[in-house]
């Protein structure tokens, strides 16, 4: 667990295509320094986009992002176009959610200071 505190870039392949999975609303922050999460060619179900976005936004620290700029790099299989588009959308969702969370945290700290 100690080494996870220092991870800044994480590359994963996960199957996020199962429409029956419920993603947890709160998760432990194991990667406090994570800046880039790359999902590669991971399959994703567009019907579960919001759940996946909310889960990843709760997992990632403020300032982190889902890296979708490296689609040309893969070790084993090229991502299908539909997955690329869905991960791009999820990355946008997560960015907005993280920005909103950061703004809420700032507003709360100002309110507490009053």
PDB file of N, CA and C in Angstrom:
ATOM      1  N   UNK A   1       0.830  -1.188   0.000  1.00  0.00           N
ATOM      2  CA  UNK A   1       0.000   0.000   0.000  1.00  0.00           C
ATOM      3  C   UNK A   1       0.876   1.255   0.000  1.00  0.00           C
ATOM      4  N   UNK A   2       2.037   1.221   0.649  1.00  0.00           N
ATOM      5  CA  UNK A   2       2.902   2.390   0.728  1.00  0.00           C
ATOM      6  C   UNK A   2       3.332   2.877  -0.654  1.00  0.00           C
ATOM      7  N   UNK A   3       3.654   1.957  -1.565  1.00  0.00           N
ATOM      8  CA  UNK A   3       4.089   2.344  -2.909  1.00  0.00           C
ATOM      9  C   UNK A   3       2.966   3.015  -3.692  1.00  0.00           C
ATOM     10  N   UNK A   4       1.711   2.708  -3.377  1.00  0.00           N
ATOM     11  CA  UNK A   4       0.588   3.318  -4.092  1.00  0.00           C
ATOM     12  C   UNK A   4       0.488   4.809  -3.798  1.00  0.00           C
ATOM     13  N   UNK A   5       1.045   5.239  -2.678  1.00  0.00           N
ATOM     14  CA  UNK A   5       1.030   6.658  -2.318  1.00  0.00           C
ATOM     15  C   UNK A   5       1.888   7.491  -3.272  1.00  0.00           C
ATOM     16  N   UNK A   6       2.832   6.838  -3.987  1.00  0.00           N
ATOM     17  CA  UNK A   6       3.764   7.567  -4.851  1.00  0.00           C
ATOM     18  C   UNK A   6       3.430   7.460  -6.330  1.00  0.00           C
ATOM     19  N   UNK A   7       2.443   6.676  -6.703  1.00  0.00           N
ATOM     20  CA  UNK A   7       2.103   6.466  -8.110  1.00  0.00           C
ATOM     21  C   UNK A   7       1.540   7.753  -8.715  1.00  0.00           C
ATOM     22  N   UNK A   8       2.122   8.183  -9.845  1.00  0.00           N
ATOM     23  CA  UNK A   8       1.645   9.378 -10.535  1.00  0.00           C
ATOM     24  C   UNK A   8       0.968   9.059 -11.853  1.00  0.00           C
ATOM     25  N   UNK A   9       1.339   7.939 -12.484  1.00  0.00           N
ATOM     26  CA  UNK A   9       0.722   7.507 -13.737  1.00  0.00           C
ATOM     27  C   UNK A   9       0.334   6.044 -13.587  1.00  0.00           C
ATOM     28  N   UNK A  10      -0.890   5.741 -13.988  1.00  0.00           N
ATOM     29  CA  UNK A  10      -1.386   4.381 -13.863  1.00  0.00           C
ATOM     30  C   UNK A  10      -2.049   3.987 -15.175  1.00  0.00           C
ATOM     31  N   UNK A  11      -1.622   2.850 -15.734  1.00  0.00           N
ATOM     32  CA  UNK A  11      -2.202   2.328 -16.964  1.00  0.00           C
ATOM     33  C   UNK A  11      -2.929   1.036 -16.626  1.00  0.00           C
ATOM     34  N   UNK A  12      -4.211   0.995 -16.970  1.00  0.00           N
ATOM     35  CA  UNK A  12      -5.040  -0.165 -16.647  1.00  0.00           C
ATOM     36  C   UNK A  12      -5.783  -0.667 -17.860  1.00  0.00           C
ATOM     37  N   UNK A  13      -6.084  -1.946 -17.855  1.00  0.00           N
ATOM     38  CA  UNK A  13      -7.050  -2.510 -18.783  1.00  0.00           C
ATOM     39  C   UNK A  13      -8.127  -3.143 -17.912  1.00  0.00           C
ATOM     40  N   UNK A  14      -9.334  -2.617 -18.005  1.00  0.00           N
ATOM     41  CA  UNK A  14     -10.457  -3.154 -17.245  1.00  0.00           C
ATOM     42  C   UNK A  14     -11.634  -3.355 -18.179  1.00  0.00           C
ATOM     43  N   UNK A  15     -12.480  -4.274 -17.822  1.00  0.00           N
ATOM     44  CA  UNK A  15     -13.697  -4.488 -18.596  1.00  0.00           C
ATOM     45  C   UNK A  15     -14.820  -3.723 -17.920  1.00  0.00           C
ATOM     46  N   UNK A  16     -15.128  -2.552 -18.448  1.00  0.00           N
ATOM     47  CA  UNK A  16     -16.190  -1.702 -17.904  1.00  0.00           C
ATOM     48  C   UNK A  16     -17.440  -1.814 -18.771  1.00  0.00           C
ATOM     49  N   UNK A  17     -17.601  -2.958 -19.433  1.00  0.00           N
ATOM     50  CA  UNK A  17     -18.723  -3.124 -20.350  1.00  0.00           C
ATOM     51  C   UNK A  17     -19.939  -3.778 -19.704  1.00  0.00           C
ATOM     52  N   UNK A  18     -19.802  -4.290 -18.494  1.00  0.00           N
ATOM     53  CA  UNK A  18     -20.917  -4.971 -17.826  1.00  0.00           C
ATOM     54  C   UNK A  18     -21.925  -3.949 -17.324  1.00  0.00           C
ATOM     55  N   UNK A  19     -23.103  -3.957 -17.897  1.00  0.00           N
ATOM     56  CA  UNK A  19     -24.134  -2.979 -17.549  1.00  0.00           C
ATOM     57  C   UNK A  19     -24.797  -3.277 -16.211  1.00  0.00           C
ATOM     58  N   UNK A  20     -24.452  -4.388 -15.566  1.00  0.00           N
ATOM     59  CA  UNK A  20     -25.102  -4.739 -14.300  1.00  0.00           C
ATOM     60  C   UNK A  20     -24.297  -4.325 -13.078  1.00  0.00           C
ATOM     61  N   UNK A  21     -23.093  -3.832 -13.278  1.00  0.00           N
ATOM     62  CA  UNK A  21     -22.233  -3.460 -12.157  1.00  0.00           C
ATOM     63  C   UNK A  21     -22.666  -2.112 -11.592  1.00  0.00           C
ATOM     64  N   UNK A  22     -22.804  -2.032 -10.276  1.00  0.00           N
ATOM     65  CA  UNK A  22     -23.042  -0.766  -9.603  1.00  0.00           C
ATOM     66  C   UNK A  22     -21.718  -0.289  -9.041  1.00  0.00           C
ATOM     67  N   UNK A  23     -21.330   0.903  -9.424  1.00  0.00           N
ATOM     68  CA  UNK A  23     -20.059   1.452  -8.969  1.00  0.00           C
ATOM     69  C   UNK A  23     -20.257   2.118  -7.620  1.00  0.00           C
ATOM     70  N   UNK A  24     -19.319   1.939  -6.699  1.00  0.00           N
ATOM     71  CA  UNK A  24     -19.471   2.554  -5.367  1.00  0.00           C
ATOM     72  C   UNK A  24     -19.455   4.079  -5.470  1.00  0.00           C
ATOM     73  N   UNK A  25     -20.187   4.724  -4.570  1.00  0.00           N
ATOM     74  CA  UNK A  25     -20.234   6.185  -4.566  1.00  0.00           C
ATOM     75  C   UNK A  25     -19.024   6.789  -3.867  1.00  0.00           C
ATOM     76  N   UNK A  26     -18.475   6.097  -2.898  1.00  0.00           N
ATOM     77  CA  UNK A  26     -17.299   6.584  -2.181  1.00  0.00           C
ATOM     78  C   UNK A  26     -16.233   5.495  -2.186  1.00  0.00           C
ATOM     79  N   UNK A  27     -15.011   5.895  -2.395  1.00  0.00           N
ATOM     80  CA  UNK A  27     -13.903   4.942  -2.373  1.00  0.00           C
ATOM     81  C   UNK A  27     -12.741   5.544  -1.592  1.00  0.00           C
ATOM     82  N   UNK A  28     -11.908   4.672  -1.103  1.00  0.00           N
ATOM     83  CA  UNK A  28     -10.684   5.092  -0.413  1.00  0.00           C
ATOM     84  C   UNK A  28      -9.732   5.686  -1.444  1.00  0.00           C
ATOM     85  N   UNK A  29      -9.047   6.743  -1.104  1.00  0.00           N
ATOM     86  CA  UNK A  29      -8.101   7.370  -2.035  1.00  0.00           C
ATOM     87  C   UNK A  29      -6.717   6.726  -1.860  1.00  0.00           C
ATOM     88  N   UNK A  30      -6.472   5.691  -2.639  1.00  0.00           N
ATOM     89  CA  UNK A  30      -5.210   4.961  -2.551  1.00  0.00           C
ATOM     90  C   UNK A  30      -4.083   5.629  -3.330  1.00  0.00           C
ATOM     91  N   UNK A  31      -4.433   6.489  -4.272  1.00  0.00           N
ATOM     92  CA  UNK A  31      -3.446   7.105  -5.144  1.00  0.00           C
ATOM     93  C   UNK A  31      -3.495   8.630  -5.018  1.00  0.00           C
ATOM     94  N   UNK A  32      -3.060   9.191  -3.907  1.00  0.00           N
ATOM     95  CA  UNK A  32      -3.201  10.637  -3.694  1.00  0.00           C
ATOM     96  C   UNK A  32      -2.375  11.494  -4.646  1.00  0.00           C
ATOM     97  N   UNK A  33      -1.332  10.930  -5.268  1.00  0.00           N
ATOM     98  CA  UNK A  33      -0.471  11.692  -6.192  1.00  0.00           C
ATOM     99  C   UNK A  33      -0.748  11.373  -7.655  1.00  0.00           C
ATOM    100  N   UNK A  34      -1.741  10.562  -7.919  1.00  0.00           N
ATOM    101  CA  UNK A  34      -2.032  10.160  -9.294  1.00  0.00           C
ATOM    102  C   UNK A  34      -2.393  11.375 -10.140  1.00  0.00           C
ATOM    103  N   UNK A  35      -1.733  11.508 -11.275  1.00  0.00           N
ATOM    104  CA  UNK A  35      -2.002  12.616 -12.193  1.00  0.00           C
ATOM    105  C   UNK A  35      -2.601  12.133 -13.511  1.00  0.00           C
ATOM    106  N   UNK A  36      -2.240  10.926 -13.941  1.00  0.00           N
ATOM    107  CA  UNK A  36      -2.694  10.405 -15.227  1.00  0.00           C
ATOM    108  C   UNK A  36      -3.196   8.980 -15.077  1.00  0.00           C
ATOM    109  N   UNK A  37      -4.398   8.755 -15.544  1.00  0.00           N
ATOM    110  CA  UNK A  37      -4.970   7.415 -15.587  1.00  0.00           C
ATOM    111  C   UNK A  37      -5.254   7.098 -17.045  1.00  0.00           C
ATOM    112  N   UNK A  38      -4.674   6.022 -17.527  1.00  0.00           N
ATOM    113  CA  UNK A  38      -4.837   5.631 -18.918  1.00  0.00           C
ATOM    114  C   UNK A  38      -5.574   4.305 -18.957  1.00  0.00           C
ATOM    115  N   UNK A  39      -6.724   4.284 -19.631  1.00  0.00           N
ATOM    116  CA  UNK A  39      -7.564   3.089 -19.669  1.00  0.00           C
ATOM    117  C   UNK A  39      -7.320   2.251 -20.924  1.00  0.00           C
ATOM    118  N   UNK A  40      -6.472   2.714 -21.808  1.00  0.00           N
ATOM    119  CA  UNK A  40      -6.094   1.929 -22.977  1.00  0.00           C
ATOM    120  C   UNK A  40      -7.261   1.491 -23.824  1.00  0.00           C
ATOM    121  N   UNK A  41      -7.289   0.218 -24.149  1.00  0.00           N
ATOM    122  CA  UNK A  41      -8.320  -0.335 -25.016  1.00  0.00           C
ATOM    123  C   UNK A  41      -9.466  -0.932 -24.212  1.00  0.00           C
ATOM    124  N   UNK A  42      -9.603  -0.526 -22.975  1.00  0.00           N
ATOM    125  CA  UNK A  42     -10.633  -1.102 -22.103  1.00  0.00           C
ATOM    126  C   UNK A  42     -12.028  -0.936 -22.684  1.00  0.00           C
ATOM    127  N   UNK A  43     -12.791  -2.032 -22.727  1.00  0.00           N
ATOM    128  CA  UNK A  43     -14.177  -1.909 -23.204  1.00  0.00           C
ATOM    129  C   UNK A  43     -15.019  -1.164 -22.174  1.00  0.00           C
ATOM    130  N   UNK A  44     -15.982  -0.398 -22.658  1.00  0.00           N
ATOM    131  CA  UNK A  44     -16.832   0.392 -21.780  1.00  0.00           C
ATOM    132  C   UNK A  44     -18.257   0.375 -22.323  1.00  0.00           C
ATOM    133  N   UNK A  45     -19.212   0.373 -21.428  1.00  0.00           N
ATOM    134  CA  UNK A  45     -20.626   0.374 -21.801  1.00  0.00           C
ATOM    135  C   UNK A  45     -21.144   1.799 -21.702  1.00  0.00           C
ATOM    136  N   UNK A  46     -21.587   2.358 -22.817  1.00  0.00           N
ATOM    137  CA  UNK A  46     -22.027   3.753 -22.835  1.00  0.00           C
ATOM    138  C   UNK A  46     -23.225   3.992 -21.921  1.00  0.00           C
ATOM    139  N   UNK A  47     -24.028   2.971 -21.678  1.00  0.00           N
ATOM    140  CA  UNK A  47     -25.187   3.119 -20.791  1.00  0.00           C
ATOM    141  C   UNK A  47     -24.752   3.341 -19.341  1.00  0.00           C
ATOM    142  N   UNK A  48     -23.526   2.973 -19.017  1.00  0.00           N
ATOM    143  CA  UNK A  48     -23.009   3.117 -17.647  1.00  0.00           C
ATOM    144  C   UNK A  48     -22.030   4.286 -17.523  1.00  0.00           C
ATOM    145  N   UNK A  49     -22.012   5.149 -18.507  1.00  0.00           N
ATOM    146  CA  UNK A  49     -21.043   6.242 -18.538  1.00  0.00           C
ATOM    147  C   UNK A  49     -21.053   7.084 -17.264  1.00  0.00           C
ATOM    148  N   UNK A  50     -22.222   7.514 -16.815  1.00  0.00           N
ATOM    149  CA  UNK A  50     -22.274   8.397 -15.652  1.00  0.00           C
ATOM    150  C   UNK A  50     -21.783   7.683 -14.393  1.00  0.00           C
ATOM    151  N   UNK A  51     -22.158   6.421 -14.208  1.00  0.00           N
ATOM    152  CA  UNK A  51     -21.678   5.670 -13.044  1.00  0.00           C
ATOM    153  C   UNK A  51     -20.171   5.512 -13.053  1.00  0.00           C
ATOM    154  N   UNK A  52     -19.615   5.228 -14.225  1.00  0.00           N
ATOM    155  CA  UNK A  52     -18.164   5.090 -14.362  1.00  0.00           C
ATOM    156  C   UNK A  52     -17.488   6.433 -14.087  1.00  0.00           C
ATOM    157  N   UNK A  53     -18.054   7.505 -14.632  1.00  0.00           N
ATOM    158  CA  UNK A  53     -17.487   8.846 -14.433  1.00  0.00           C
ATOM    159  C   UNK A  53     -17.501   9.233 -12.956  1.00  0.00           C
ATOM    160  N   UNK A  54     -18.615   9.005 -12.288  1.00  0.00           N
ATOM    161  CA  UNK A  54     -18.722   9.344 -10.865  1.00  0.00           C
ATOM    162  C   UNK A  54     -17.742   8.523 -10.036  1.00  0.00           C
ATOM    163  N   UNK A  55     -17.622   7.232 -10.364  1.00  0.00           N
ATOM    164  CA  UNK A  55     -16.691   6.371  -9.642  1.00  0.00           C
ATOM    165  C   UNK A  55     -15.251   6.857  -9.808  1.00  0.00           C
ATOM    166  N   UNK A  56     -14.851   7.120 -11.053  1.00  0.00           N
ATOM    167  CA  UNK A  56     -13.480   7.553 -11.294  1.00  0.00           C
ATOM    168  C   UNK A  56     -13.208   8.921 -10.672  1.00  0.00           C
ATOM    169  N   UNK A  57     -14.185   9.821 -10.716  1.00  0.00           N
ATOM    170  CA  UNK A  57     -14.002  11.138 -10.107  1.00  0.00           C
ATOM    171  C   UNK A  57     -13.850  11.025  -8.596  1.00  0.00           C
ATOM    172  N   UNK A  58     -14.507  10.059  -7.988  1.00  0.00           N
ATOM    173  CA  UNK A  58     -14.361   9.878  -6.541  1.00  0.00           C
ATOM    174  C   UNK A  58     -13.029   9.207  -6.202  1.00  0.00           C
ATOM    175  N   UNK A  59     -12.483   8.457  -7.135  1.00  0.00           N
ATOM    176  CA  UNK A  59     -11.218   7.750  -6.927  1.00  0.00           C
ATOM    177  C   UNK A  59     -10.002   8.655  -7.141  1.00  0.00           C
ATOM    178  N   UNK A  60     -10.112   9.568  -8.104  1.00  0.00           N
ATOM    179  CA  UNK A  60      -8.961  10.382  -8.499  1.00  0.00           C
ATOM    180  C   UNK A  60      -8.814  11.623  -7.625  1.00  0.00           C
ATOM    181  N   UNK A  61      -7.573  12.020  -7.354  1.00  0.00           N
ATOM    182  CA  UNK A  61      -7.362  13.268  -6.619  1.00  0.00           C
ATOM    183  C   UNK A  61      -7.595  14.473  -7.527  1.00  0.00           C
ATOM    184  N   UNK A  62      -7.813  15.624  -6.929  1.00  0.00           N
ATOM    185  CA  UNK A  62      -7.984  16.855  -7.704  1.00  0.00           C
ATOM    186  C   UNK A  62      -6.771  17.070  -8.595  1.00  0.00           C
ATOM    187  N   UNK A  63      -7.008  17.501  -9.811  1.00  0.00           N
ATOM    188  CA  UNK A  63      -5.932  17.758 -10.758  1.00  0.00           C
ATOM    189  C   UNK A  63      -5.560  16.568 -11.621  1.00  0.00           C
ATOM    190  N   UNK A  64      -6.037  15.380 -11.278  1.00  0.00           N
ATOM    191  CA  UNK A  64      -5.736  14.188 -12.092  1.00  0.00           C
ATOM    192  C   UNK A  64      -6.595  14.214 -13.352  1.00  0.00           C
ATOM    193  N   UNK A  65      -6.192  13.416 -14.328  1.00  0.00           N
ATOM    194  CA  UNK A  65      -6.975  13.338 -15.559  1.00  0.00           C
ATOM    195  C   UNK A  65      -6.886  11.940 -16.151  1.00  0.00           C
ATOM    196  N   UNK A  66      -7.891  11.635 -16.939  1.00  0.00           N
ATOM    197  CA  UNK A  66      -7.863  10.394 -17.706  1.00  0.00           C
ATOM    198  C   UNK A  66      -7.180  10.731 -19.021  1.00  0.00           C
ATOM    199  N   UNK A  67      -6.096  10.060 -19.301  1.00  0.00           N
ATOM    200  CA  UNK A  67      -5.288  10.337 -20.482  1.00  0.00           C
ATOM    201  C   UNK A  67      -5.910   9.648 -21.693  1.00  0.00           C
ATOM    202  N   UNK A  68      -6.401  10.446 -22.608  1.00  0.00           N
ATOM    203  CA  UNK A  68      -6.976   9.884 -23.842  1.00  0.00           C
ATOM    204  C   UNK A  68      -6.163  10.327 -25.055  1.00  0.00           C
ATOM    205  N   UNK A  69      -4.992  10.876 -24.817  1.00  0.00           N
ATOM    206  CA  UNK A  69      -4.178  11.394 -25.921  1.00  0.00           C
ATOM    207  C   UNK A  69      -3.197  10.368 -26.454  1.00  0.00           C
ATOM    208  N   UNK A  70      -3.173   9.192 -25.872  1.00  0.00           N
ATOM    209  CA  UNK A  70      -2.184   8.191 -26.281  1.00  0.00           C
ATOM    210  C   UNK A  70      -2.840   6.964 -26.893  1.00  0.00           C
ATOM    211  N   UNK A  71      -3.919   7.146 -27.605  1.00  0.00           N
ATOM    212  CA  UNK A  71      -4.619   5.986 -28.174  1.00  0.00           C
ATOM    213  C   UNK A  71      -3.771   5.232 -29.192  1.00  0.00           C
ATOM    214  N   UNK A  72      -2.758   5.893 -29.739  1.00  0.00           N
ATOM    215  CA  UNK A  72      -1.931   5.201 -30.729  1.00  0.00           C
ATOM    216  C   UNK A  72      -0.943   4.238 -30.078  1.00  0.00           C
ATOM    217  N   UNK A  73      -0.852   4.273 -28.749  1.00  0.00           N
ATOM    218  CA  UNK A  73       0.086   3.399 -28.039  1.00  0.00           C
ATOM    219  C   UNK A  73      -0.707   2.279 -27.361  1.00  0.00           C
ATOM    220  N   UNK A  74      -0.465   1.054 -27.745  1.00  0.00           N
ATOM    221  CA  UNK A  74      -1.056  -0.083 -27.053  1.00  0.00           C
ATOM    222  C   UNK A  74      -0.112  -1.266 -27.168  1.00  0.00           C
ATOM    223  N   UNK A  75      -0.185  -2.125 -26.193  1.00  0.00           N
ATOM    224  CA  UNK A  75       0.731  -3.260 -26.144  1.00  0.00           C
ATOM    225  C   UNK A  75       0.171  -4.503 -26.820  1.00  0.00           C
ATOM    226  N   UNK A  76      -1.133  -4.606 -26.884  1.00  0.00           N
ATOM    227  CA  UNK A  76      -1.698  -5.894 -27.273  1.00  0.00           C
ATOM    228  C   UNK A  76      -2.856  -5.771 -28.228  1.00  0.00           C
ATOM    229  N   UNK A  77      -3.677  -4.776 -28.108  1.00  0.00           N
ATOM    230  CA  UNK A  77      -4.864  -4.688 -28.949  1.00  0.00           C
ATOM    231  C   UNK A  77      -5.217  -3.216 -29.148  1.00  0.00           C
ATOM    232  N   UNK A  78      -5.571  -2.851 -30.352  1.00  0.00           N
ATOM    233  CA  UNK A  78      -5.987  -1.473 -30.609  1.00  0.00           C
ATOM    234  C   UNK A  78      -7.407  -1.270 -30.078  1.00  0.00           C
ATOM    235  N   UNK A  79      -7.679  -0.117 -29.470  1.00  0.00           N
ATOM    236  CA  UNK A  79      -9.034   0.126 -28.968  1.00  0.00           C
ATOM    237  C   UNK A  79     -10.023   0.290 -30.107  1.00  0.00           C
ATOM    238  N   UNK A  80     -11.222  -0.215 -29.901  1.00  0.00           N
ATOM    239  CA  UNK A  80     -12.275  -0.014 -30.877  1.00  0.00           C
ATOM    240  C   UNK A  80     -12.690   1.451 -30.852  1.00  0.00           C
ATOM    241  N   UNK A  81     -13.079   1.989 -32.010  1.00  0.00           N
ATOM    242  CA  UNK A  81     -13.450   3.401 -32.100  1.00  0.00           C
ATOM    243  C   UNK A  81     -14.527   3.788 -31.098  1.00  0.00           C
ATOM    244  N   UNK A  82     -15.503   2.896 -30.899  1.00  0.00           N
ATOM    245  CA  UNK A  82     -16.591   3.247 -29.976  1.00  0.00           C
ATOM    246  C   UNK A  82     -16.080   3.370 -28.534  1.00  0.00           C
ATOM    247  N   UNK A  83     -15.072   2.590 -28.165  1.00  0.00           N
ATOM    248  CA  UNK A  83     -14.494   2.703 -26.826  1.00  0.00           C
ATOM    249  C   UNK A  83     -13.684   3.992 -26.701  1.00  0.00           C
ATOM    250  N   UNK A  84     -12.965   4.337 -27.747  1.00  0.00           N
ATOM    251  CA  UNK A  84     -12.187   5.579 -27.744  1.00  0.00           C
ATOM    252  C   UNK A  84     -13.123   6.755 -27.503  1.00  0.00           C
ATOM    253  N   UNK A  85     -14.230   6.802 -28.224  1.00  0.00           N
ATOM    254  CA  UNK A  85     -15.189   7.907 -28.067  1.00  0.00           C
ATOM    255  C   UNK A  85     -15.789   7.924 -26.672  1.00  0.00           C
ATOM    256  N   UNK A  86     -16.123   6.756 -26.130  1.00  0.00           N
ATOM    257  CA  UNK A  86     -16.708   6.710 -24.788  1.00  0.00           C
ATOM    258  C   UNK A  86     -15.701   7.127 -23.724  1.00  0.00           C
ATOM    259  N   UNK A  87     -14.449   6.691 -23.841  1.00  0.00           N
ATOM    260  CA  UNK A  87     -13.441   7.108 -22.861  1.00  0.00           C
ATOM    261  C   UNK A  87     -13.159   8.601 -22.975  1.00  0.00           C
ATOM    262  N   UNK A  88     -13.221   9.150 -24.182  1.00  0.00           N
ATOM    263  CA  UNK A  88     -13.084  10.606 -24.338  1.00  0.00           C
ATOM    264  C   UNK A  88     -14.207  11.326 -23.594  1.00  0.00           C
ATOM    265  N   UNK A  89     -15.427  10.828 -23.728  1.00  0.00           N
ATOM    266  CA  UNK A  89     -16.568  11.440 -23.034  1.00  0.00           C
ATOM    267  C   UNK A  89     -16.435  11.284 -21.517  1.00  0.00           C
ATOM    268  N   UNK A  90     -16.032  10.110 -21.078  1.00  0.00           N
ATOM    269  CA  UNK A  90     -15.843   9.878 -19.637  1.00  0.00           C
ATOM    270  C   UNK A  90     -14.750  10.802 -19.106  1.00  0.00           C
ATOM    271  N   UNK A  91     -13.671  10.968 -19.867  1.00  0.00           N
ATOM    272  CA  UNK A  91     -12.592  11.864 -19.453  1.00  0.00           C
ATOM    273  C   UNK A  91     -13.110  13.291 -19.279  1.00  0.00           C
ATOM    274  N   UNK A  92     -13.960  13.734 -20.191  1.00  0.00           N
ATOM    275  CA  UNK A  92     -14.559  15.069 -20.082  1.00  0.00           C
ATOM    276  C   UNK A  92     -15.439  15.159 -18.839  1.00  0.00           C
ATOM    277  N   UNK A  93     -16.265  14.136 -18.615  1.00  0.00           N
ATOM    278  CA  UNK A  93     -17.128  14.109 -17.431  1.00  0.00           C
ATOM    279  C   UNK A  93     -16.298  14.204 -16.152  1.00  0.00           C
ATOM    280  N   UNK A  94     -15.257  13.378 -16.081  1.00  0.00           N
ATOM    281  CA  UNK A  94     -14.422  13.320 -14.878  1.00  0.00           C
ATOM    282  C   UNK A  94     -13.738  14.665 -14.644  1.00  0.00           C
ATOM    283  N   UNK A  95     -13.247  15.277 -15.691  1.00  0.00           N
ATOM    284  CA  UNK A  95     -12.612  16.592 -15.554  1.00  0.00           C
ATOM    285  C   UNK A  95     -13.594  17.596 -14.960  1.00  0.00           C
ATOM    286  N   UNK A  96     -14.813  17.625 -15.469  1.00  0.00           N
ATOM    287  CA  UNK A  96     -15.834  18.545 -14.948  1.00  0.00           C
ATOM    288  C   UNK A  96     -16.175  18.231 -13.492  1.00  0.00           C
ATOM    289  N   UNK A  97     -16.301  16.952 -13.168  1.00  0.00           N
ATOM    290  CA  UNK A  97     -16.614  16.559 -11.790  1.00  0.00           C
ATOM    291  C   UNK A  97     -15.492  16.941 -10.828  1.00  0.00           C
ATOM    292  N   UNK A  98     -14.243  16.738 -11.244  1.00  0.00           N
ATOM    293  CA  UNK A  98     -13.112  17.106 -10.391  1.00  0.00           C
ATOM    294  C   UNK A  98     -13.030  18.621 -10.212  1.00  0.00           C
ATOM    295  N   UNK A  99     -13.295  19.365 -11.285  1.00  0.00           N
ATOM    296  CA  UNK A  99     -13.299  20.826 -11.177  1.00  0.00           C
ATOM    297  C   UNK A  99     -14.407  21.296 -10.240  1.00  0.00           C
ATOM    298  N   UNK A 100     -15.572  20.680 -10.338  1.00  0.00           N
ATOM    299  CA  UNK A 100     -16.688  21.045  -9.455  1.00  0.00           C
ATOM    300  C   UNK A 100     -16.345  20.724  -8.002  1.00  0.00           C
ATOM    301  N   UNK A 101     -15.721  19.562  -7.785  1.00  0.00           N
ATOM    302  CA  UNK A 101     -15.332  19.186  -6.420  1.00  0.00           C
ATOM    303  C   UNK A 101     -14.317  20.169  -5.860  1.00  0.00           C
ATOM    304  N   UNK A 102     -13.329  20.546  -6.661  1.00  0.00           N
ATOM    305  CA  UNK A 102     -12.317  21.506  -6.223  1.00  0.00           C
ATOM    306  C   UNK A 102     -12.966  22.846  -5.896  1.00  0.00           C
ATOM    307  N   UNK A 103     -13.889  23.291  -6.747  1.00  0.00           N
ATOM    308  CA  UNK A 103     -14.596  24.538  -6.496  1.00  0.00           C
ATOM    309  C   UNK A 103     -15.423  24.474  -5.230  1.00  0.00           C
ATOM    310  N   UNK A 104     -16.072  23.337  -4.980  1.00  0.00           N
ATOM    311  CA  UNK A 104     -16.863  23.162  -3.763  1.00  0.00           C
ATOM    312  C   UNK A 104     -15.979  23.166  -2.531  1.00  0.00           C
ATOM    313  N   UNK A 105     -14.819  22.511  -2.619  1.00  0.00           N
ATOM    314  CA  UNK A 105     -13.888  22.480  -1.488  1.00  0.00           C
ATOM    315  C   UNK A 105     -13.381  23.883  -1.178  1.00  0.00           C
ATOM    316  N   UNK A 106     -13.082  24.658  -2.239  1.00  0.00           N
ATOM    317  CA  UNK A 106     -12.628  26.035  -2.043  1.00  0.00           C
ATOM    318  C   UNK A 106     -13.715  26.882  -1.409  1.00  0.00           C
ATOM    319  N   UNK A 107     -14.926  26.752  -1.920  1.00  0.00           N
ATOM    320  CA  UNK A 107     -16.047  27.528  -1.384  1.00  0.00           C
ATOM    321  C   UNK A 107     -16.301  27.179   0.080  1.00  0.00           C
ATOM    322  N   UNK A 108     -16.207  25.898   0.408  1.00  0.00           N
ATOM    323  CA  UNK A 108     -16.417  25.454   1.791  1.00  0.00           C
ATOM    324  C   UNK A 108     -15.337  26.021   2.714  1.00  0.00           C
ATOM    325  N   UNK A 109     -14.079  26.040   2.257  1.00  0.00           N
ATOM    326  CA  UNK A 109     -13.014  26.574   3.105  1.00  0.00           C
ATOM    327  C   UNK A 109     -13.183  28.077   3.306  1.00  0.00           C
ATOM    328  N   UNK A 110     -13.665  28.800   2.290  1.00  0.00           N
ATOM    329  CA  UNK A 110     -13.939  30.234   2.447  1.00  0.00           C
ATOM    330  C   UNK A 110     -15.081  30.437   3.431  1.00  0.00           C
ATOM    331  N   UNK A 111     -16.123  29.632   3.297  1.00  0.00           N
ATOM    332  CA  UNK A 111     -17.279  29.732   4.191  1.00  0.00           C
ATOM    333  C   UNK A 111     -16.853  29.471   5.637  1.00  0.00           C
ATOM    334  N   UNK A 112     -16.036  28.467   5.857  1.00  0.00           N
ATOM    335  CA  UNK A 112     -15.576  28.138   7.207  1.00  0.00           C
ATOM    336  C   UNK A 112     -14.711  29.247   7.801  1.00  0.00           C
ATOM    337  N   UNK A 113     -13.987  29.965   6.931  1.00  0.00           N
ATOM    338  CA  UNK A 113     -13.115  31.040   7.397  1.00  0.00           C
ATOM    339  C   UNK A 113     -13.923  32.274   7.833  1.00  0.00           C
ATOM    340  N   UNK A 114     -15.165  32.373   7.399  1.00  0.00           N
ATOM    341  CA  UNK A 114     -15.996  33.547   7.751  1.00  0.00           C
ATOM    342  C   UNK A 114     -16.422  33.551   9.178  1.00  0.00           C
TER     343      UNK A 114
END
